[in-house]
């Protein structure tokens, strides 16, 4: 499932359920953490969220996808955030209707943004996101050298985690999560 909708007067969001829109990137390094699992029957699921949001004087842009794989034998929720080995501003271009010049979206997640993704997962858990035993991996990402920031990727990971924890998704679920939680 994929859909898109407006956020406020000039913002726009697109989301995908069950897939990453061509933004999976190779990585040999990651930041990780573990958390106590909740006693919930959460199915394996993948969600990606792309945001364009004007914040004077610039336009914030980012795409982040998370994939939760259930593992009933695990004793924790393992959070894994791979990051790109290329420097900030280098990478393969990503074509999207949400970004406009001077933004040049690039596939990957620079180390500068990876720690913020972990913080966003912690924020979502504090807001009530309950994840069972398994692994939550964020290996689908696009950033913009102009419009991406740690605070935006923290918000994106919070939203993606909250959506995965819902265990079912519709456009109204995504709209509600974005309006109530982070954006």
C-alpha atoms as a PDB file:
ATOM      1  CA  UNK A   1       0.000   0.000   0.000  1.00  0.00           C
ATOM      2  CA  UNK A   2       1.188   3.513  -0.752  1.00  0.00           C
ATOM      3  CA  UNK A   3      -0.472   6.883  -0.419  1.00  0.00           C
ATOM      4  CA  UNK A   4       0.258  10.586  -0.090  1.00  0.00           C
ATOM      5  CA  UNK A   5      -1.406  13.592   1.475  1.00  0.00           C
ATOM      6  CA  UNK A   6      -0.865  17.213   2.453  1.00  0.00           C
ATOM      7  CA  UNK A   7       0.519  18.295   5.812  1.00  0.00           C
ATOM      8  CA  UNK A   8      -0.667  21.795   6.584  1.00  0.00           C
ATOM      9  CA  UNK A   9      -0.717  24.344   3.772  1.00  0.00           C
ATOM     10  CA  UNK A  10       2.524  23.497   1.984  1.00  0.00           C
ATOM     11  CA  UNK A  11       3.824  20.245   3.435  1.00  0.00           C
ATOM     12  CA  UNK A  12       3.448  16.835   1.841  1.00  0.00           C
ATOM     13  CA  UNK A  13       3.850  13.242   3.025  1.00  0.00           C
ATOM     14  CA  UNK A  14       4.097   9.945   1.213  1.00  0.00           C
ATOM     15  CA  UNK A  15       4.121   6.541   2.878  1.00  0.00           C
ATOM     16  CA  UNK A  16       4.573   2.917   1.919  1.00  0.00           C
ATOM     17  CA  UNK A  17       3.546  -0.215   3.800  1.00  0.00           C
ATOM     18  CA  UNK A  18       5.306  -3.493   3.072  1.00  0.00           C
ATOM     19  CA  UNK A  19       8.057  -2.019   0.930  1.00  0.00           C
ATOM     20  CA  UNK A  20      10.868   0.492   0.729  1.00  0.00           C
ATOM     21  CA  UNK A  21      10.643   2.772  -2.328  1.00  0.00           C
ATOM     22  CA  UNK A  22      14.066   2.055  -3.856  1.00  0.00           C
ATOM     23  CA  UNK A  23      16.013   3.541  -0.973  1.00  0.00           C
ATOM     24  CA  UNK A  24      17.643   0.522   0.704  1.00  0.00           C
ATOM     25  CA  UNK A  25      21.339   1.222   1.010  1.00  0.00           C
ATOM     26  CA  UNK A  26      24.357  -1.014   1.626  1.00  0.00           C
ATOM     27  CA  UNK A  27      26.126  -0.620   4.927  1.00  0.00           C
ATOM     28  CA  UNK A  28      28.711  -2.433   6.998  1.00  0.00           C
ATOM     29  CA  UNK A  29      28.395  -0.166  10.039  1.00  0.00           C
ATOM     30  CA  UNK A  30      25.506   0.641  12.348  1.00  0.00           C
ATOM     31  CA  UNK A  31      24.482   2.096  15.682  1.00  0.00           C
ATOM     32  CA  UNK A  32      22.401  -0.211  17.838  1.00  0.00           C
ATOM     33  CA  UNK A  33      20.502  -0.462  21.074  1.00  0.00           C
ATOM     34  CA  UNK A  34      18.276  -2.922  22.878  1.00  0.00           C
ATOM     35  CA  UNK A  35      15.096  -2.440  24.828  1.00  0.00           C
ATOM     36  CA  UNK A  36      12.759  -4.509  26.937  1.00  0.00           C
ATOM     37  CA  UNK A  37      10.115  -6.107  24.716  1.00  0.00           C
ATOM     38  CA  UNK A  38       6.434  -5.591  25.380  1.00  0.00           C
ATOM     39  CA  UNK A  39       4.140  -8.574  25.728  1.00  0.00           C
ATOM     40  CA  UNK A  40       2.346  -7.975  22.425  1.00  0.00           C
ATOM     41  CA  UNK A  41       1.666 -10.081  19.364  1.00  0.00           C
ATOM     42  CA  UNK A  42       3.146  -7.758  16.765  1.00  0.00           C
ATOM     43  CA  UNK A  43       3.450  -9.030  13.209  1.00  0.00           C
ATOM     44  CA  UNK A  44       6.493  -8.437  11.039  1.00  0.00           C
ATOM     45  CA  UNK A  45       5.965  -5.229   9.119  1.00  0.00           C
ATOM     46  CA  UNK A  46       7.731  -2.580   7.026  1.00  0.00           C
ATOM     47  CA  UNK A  47       6.794   1.120   6.831  1.00  0.00           C
ATOM     48  CA  UNK A  48       8.490   3.999   5.002  1.00  0.00           C
ATOM     49  CA  UNK A  49       7.621   7.667   5.395  1.00  0.00           C
ATOM     50  CA  UNK A  50       8.752  10.606   3.224  1.00  0.00           C
ATOM     51  CA  UNK A  51       8.183  14.193   4.356  1.00  0.00           C
ATOM     52  CA  UNK A  52       8.541  17.627   2.790  1.00  0.00           C
ATOM     53  CA  UNK A  53       7.774  20.308   5.342  1.00  0.00           C
ATOM     54  CA  UNK A  54       8.442  24.043   4.972  1.00  0.00           C
ATOM     55  CA  UNK A  55      10.116  25.503   8.063  1.00  0.00           C
ATOM     56  CA  UNK A  56      11.169  29.089   7.413  1.00  0.00           C
ATOM     57  CA  UNK A  57      13.548  29.792   5.790  1.00  0.00           C
ATOM     58  CA  UNK A  58      14.131  26.285   4.389  1.00  0.00           C
ATOM     59  CA  UNK A  59      12.186  23.178   3.452  1.00  0.00           C
ATOM     60  CA  UNK A  60      12.789  20.086   5.609  1.00  0.00           C
ATOM     61  CA  UNK A  61      13.068  16.847   3.625  1.00  0.00           C
ATOM     62  CA  UNK A  62      13.658  13.206   4.481  1.00  0.00           C
ATOM     63  CA  UNK A  63      12.576   9.633   3.899  1.00  0.00           C
ATOM     64  CA  UNK A  64      12.994   6.871   6.451  1.00  0.00           C
ATOM     65  CA  UNK A  65      11.817   3.282   6.404  1.00  0.00           C
ATOM     66  CA  UNK A  66      11.793   0.786   9.225  1.00  0.00           C
ATOM     67  CA  UNK A  67      11.266  -2.945   9.167  1.00  0.00           C
ATOM     68  CA  UNK A  68      10.230  -4.928  12.228  1.00  0.00           C
ATOM     69  CA  UNK A  69      10.915  -8.678  12.201  1.00  0.00           C
ATOM     70  CA  UNK A  70       9.248 -10.656  14.974  1.00  0.00           C
ATOM     71  CA  UNK A  71      11.441 -13.167  16.819  1.00  0.00           C
ATOM     72  CA  UNK A  72       9.589 -14.950  19.637  1.00  0.00           C
ATOM     73  CA  UNK A  73      12.831 -16.524  20.872  1.00  0.00           C
ATOM     74  CA  UNK A  74      14.526 -13.143  21.373  1.00  0.00           C
ATOM     75  CA  UNK A  75      14.701 -11.626  24.853  1.00  0.00           C
ATOM     76  CA  UNK A  76      14.810  -8.009  23.688  1.00  0.00           C
ATOM     77  CA  UNK A  77      13.867  -5.592  20.964  1.00  0.00           C
ATOM     78  CA  UNK A  78      17.029  -4.963  19.006  1.00  0.00           C
ATOM     79  CA  UNK A  79      17.134  -1.590  17.222  1.00  0.00           C
ATOM     80  CA  UNK A  80      19.625  -1.420  14.335  1.00  0.00           C
ATOM     81  CA  UNK A  81      20.382   1.754  12.388  1.00  0.00           C
ATOM     82  CA  UNK A  82      22.870   1.136   9.574  1.00  0.00           C
ATOM     83  CA  UNK A  83      24.603   4.227   8.253  1.00  0.00           C
ATOM     84  CA  UNK A  84      26.290   5.123   4.992  1.00  0.00           C
ATOM     85  CA  UNK A  85      30.037   5.117   4.658  1.00  0.00           C
ATOM     86  CA  UNK A  86      29.922   8.027   2.209  1.00  0.00           C
ATOM     87  CA  UNK A  87      30.378  11.582   3.519  1.00  0.00           C
ATOM     88  CA  UNK A  88      27.379  13.843   4.074  1.00  0.00           C
ATOM     89  CA  UNK A  89      26.331  15.194   0.653  1.00  0.00           C
ATOM     90  CA  UNK A  90      27.636  12.202  -1.369  1.00  0.00           C
ATOM     91  CA  UNK A  91      25.545   9.317  -2.649  1.00  0.00           C
ATOM     92  CA  UNK A  92      23.195   8.016  -5.319  1.00  0.00           C
ATOM     93  CA  UNK A  93      20.423  10.385  -6.349  1.00  0.00           C
ATOM     94  CA  UNK A  94      16.822   9.581  -5.452  1.00  0.00           C
ATOM     95  CA  UNK A  95      14.068  10.864  -7.747  1.00  0.00           C
ATOM     96  CA  UNK A  96      10.999  12.124  -5.909  1.00  0.00           C
ATOM     97  CA  UNK A  97       8.239  14.624  -6.614  1.00  0.00           C
ATOM     98  CA  UNK A  98       8.495  15.966  -3.055  1.00  0.00           C
ATOM     99  CA  UNK A  99      11.919  17.556  -3.396  1.00  0.00           C
ATOM    100  CA  UNK A 100      12.649  20.625  -5.472  1.00  0.00           C
ATOM    101  CA  UNK A 101      15.840  22.621  -6.086  1.00  0.00           C
ATOM    102  CA  UNK A 102      18.118  23.347  -4.404  1.00  0.00           C
ATOM    103  CA  UNK A 103      17.473  19.978  -2.693  1.00  0.00           C
ATOM    104  CA  UNK A 104      19.166  16.920  -4.184  1.00  0.00           C
ATOM    105  CA  UNK A 105      17.865  13.817  -2.359  1.00  0.00           C
ATOM    106  CA  UNK A 106      20.488  11.124  -1.811  1.00  0.00           C
ATOM    107  CA  UNK A 107      19.993   7.469  -0.883  1.00  0.00           C
ATOM    108  CA  UNK A 108      21.559   6.530   2.441  1.00  0.00           C
ATOM    109  CA  UNK A 109      21.796   7.691   6.018  1.00  0.00           C
ATOM    110  CA  UNK A 110      24.907   9.597   7.103  1.00  0.00           C
ATOM    111  CA  UNK A 111      26.381   8.851  10.529  1.00  0.00           C
ATOM    112  CA  UNK A 112      25.392  12.400  11.528  1.00  0.00           C
ATOM    113  CA  UNK A 113      21.718  11.349  11.334  1.00  0.00           C
ATOM    114  CA  UNK A 114      21.900   7.749  12.639  1.00  0.00           C
ATOM    115  CA  UNK A 115      22.039   8.560  16.366  1.00  0.00           C
ATOM    116  CA  UNK A 116      18.942  10.738  15.982  1.00  0.00           C
ATOM    117  CA  UNK A 117      17.044   7.733  14.593  1.00  0.00           C
ATOM    118  CA  UNK A 118      17.803   5.778  17.793  1.00  0.00           C
ATOM    119  CA  UNK A 119      16.538   8.711  19.865  1.00  0.00           C
ATOM    120  CA  UNK A 120      13.313   8.804  17.867  1.00  0.00           C
ATOM    121  CA  UNK A 121      12.654   5.129  18.632  1.00  0.00           C
ATOM    122  CA  UNK A 122      13.118   5.879  22.340  1.00  0.00           C
ATOM    123  CA  UNK A 123      10.714   8.834  22.006  1.00  0.00           C
ATOM    124  CA  UNK A 124       8.099   6.571  20.392  1.00  0.00           C
ATOM    125  CA  UNK A 125       8.449   4.007  23.168  1.00  0.00           C
ATOM    126  CA  UNK A 126       7.944   6.758  25.756  1.00  0.00           C
ATOM    127  CA  UNK A 127       4.773   7.749  23.879  1.00  0.00           C
ATOM    128  CA  UNK A 128       3.452   4.200  24.170  1.00  0.00           C
ATOM    129  CA  UNK A 129       4.777   2.345  21.120  1.00  0.00           C
ATOM    130  CA  UNK A 130       4.920  -1.288  22.169  1.00  0.00           C
ATOM    131  CA  UNK A 131       7.212  -3.597  20.242  1.00  0.00           C
ATOM    132  CA  UNK A 132       7.481  -7.313  20.935  1.00  0.00           C
ATOM    133  CA  UNK A 133      10.622  -9.434  20.757  1.00  0.00           C
ATOM    134  CA  UNK A 134      12.497  -9.043  17.506  1.00  0.00           C
ATOM    135  CA  UNK A 135      14.505  -6.552  15.464  1.00  0.00           C
ATOM    136  CA  UNK A 136      13.618  -3.070  14.259  1.00  0.00           C
ATOM    137  CA  UNK A 137      15.947  -2.080  11.404  1.00  0.00           C
ATOM    138  CA  UNK A 138      16.126   1.275   9.598  1.00  0.00           C
ATOM    139  CA  UNK A 139      17.953   0.470   6.339  1.00  0.00           C
ATOM    140  CA  UNK A 140      15.759   2.494   3.986  1.00  0.00           C
ATOM    141  CA  UNK A 141      16.637   6.183   3.921  1.00  0.00           C
ATOM    142  CA  UNK A 142      16.957   9.260   1.744  1.00  0.00           C
ATOM    143  CA  UNK A 143      18.266  12.575   2.995  1.00  0.00           C
ATOM    144  CA  UNK A 144      18.756  16.000   1.524  1.00  0.00           C
ATOM    145  CA  UNK A 145      21.997  17.903   2.074  1.00  0.00           C
ATOM    146  CA  UNK A 146      19.937  21.111   2.379  1.00  0.00           C
ATOM    147  CA  UNK A 147      16.763  20.073   4.204  1.00  0.00           C
ATOM    148  CA  UNK A 148      17.710  17.140   6.429  1.00  0.00           C
ATOM    149  CA  UNK A 149      18.699  17.416  10.057  1.00  0.00           C
ATOM    150  CA  UNK A 150      19.034  15.200  13.126  1.00  0.00           C
ATOM    151  CA  UNK A 151      15.795  16.636  14.534  1.00  0.00           C
ATOM    152  CA  UNK A 152      13.865  15.731  11.349  1.00  0.00           C
ATOM    153  CA  UNK A 153      15.198  12.152  11.333  1.00  0.00           C
ATOM    154  CA  UNK A 154      14.414  11.835  15.033  1.00  0.00           C
ATOM    155  CA  UNK A 155      10.810  12.805  14.219  1.00  0.00           C
ATOM    156  CA  UNK A 156      10.691  10.451  11.228  1.00  0.00           C
ATOM    157  CA  UNK A 157      11.920   7.471  13.280  1.00  0.00           C
ATOM    158  CA  UNK A 158       9.437   8.291  16.036  1.00  0.00           C
ATOM    159  CA  UNK A 159       6.594   8.327  13.502  1.00  0.00           C
ATOM    160  CA  UNK A 160       7.738   5.129  11.736  1.00  0.00           C
ATOM    161  CA  UNK A 161       8.072   3.311  15.080  1.00  0.00           C
ATOM    162  CA  UNK A 162       4.615   4.462  16.214  1.00  0.00           C
ATOM    163  CA  UNK A 163       3.141   3.281  12.901  1.00  0.00           C
ATOM    164  CA  UNK A 164       4.829  -0.131  13.068  1.00  0.00           C
ATOM    165  CA  UNK A 165       3.570  -0.578  16.634  1.00  0.00           C
ATOM    166  CA  UNK A 166      -0.038  -0.005  15.462  1.00  0.00           C
ATOM    167  CA  UNK A 167       0.093  -3.427  13.768  1.00  0.00           C
ATOM    168  CA  UNK A 168      -2.396  -2.232  11.111  1.00  0.00           C
ATOM    169  CA  UNK A 169      -2.231   0.800   8.907  1.00  0.00           C
ATOM    170  CA  UNK A 170      -4.466   2.974   6.805  1.00  0.00           C
ATOM    171  CA  UNK A 171      -4.058   6.483   5.430  1.00  0.00           C
ATOM    172  CA  UNK A 172      -6.069   7.810   8.384  1.00  0.00           C
ATOM    173  CA  UNK A 173      -3.708   6.045  10.845  1.00  0.00           C
ATOM    174  CA  UNK A 174      -0.725   7.730   9.192  1.00  0.00           C
ATOM    175  CA  UNK A 175      -2.427  11.151   9.146  1.00  0.00           C
ATOM    176  CA  UNK A 176      -3.389  10.819  12.804  1.00  0.00           C
ATOM    177  CA  UNK A 177       0.104   9.731  13.854  1.00  0.00           C
ATOM    178  CA  UNK A 178       1.727  12.622  11.987  1.00  0.00           C
ATOM    179  CA  UNK A 179      -0.684  15.232  13.318  1.00  0.00           C
ATOM    180  CA  UNK A 180      -0.659  14.035  16.933  1.00  0.00           C
ATOM    181  CA  UNK A 181       2.849  12.823  17.356  1.00  0.00           C
ATOM    182  CA  UNK A 182       5.493  14.707  15.573  1.00  0.00           C
ATOM    183  CA  UNK A 183       4.784  17.051  12.681  1.00  0.00           C
END
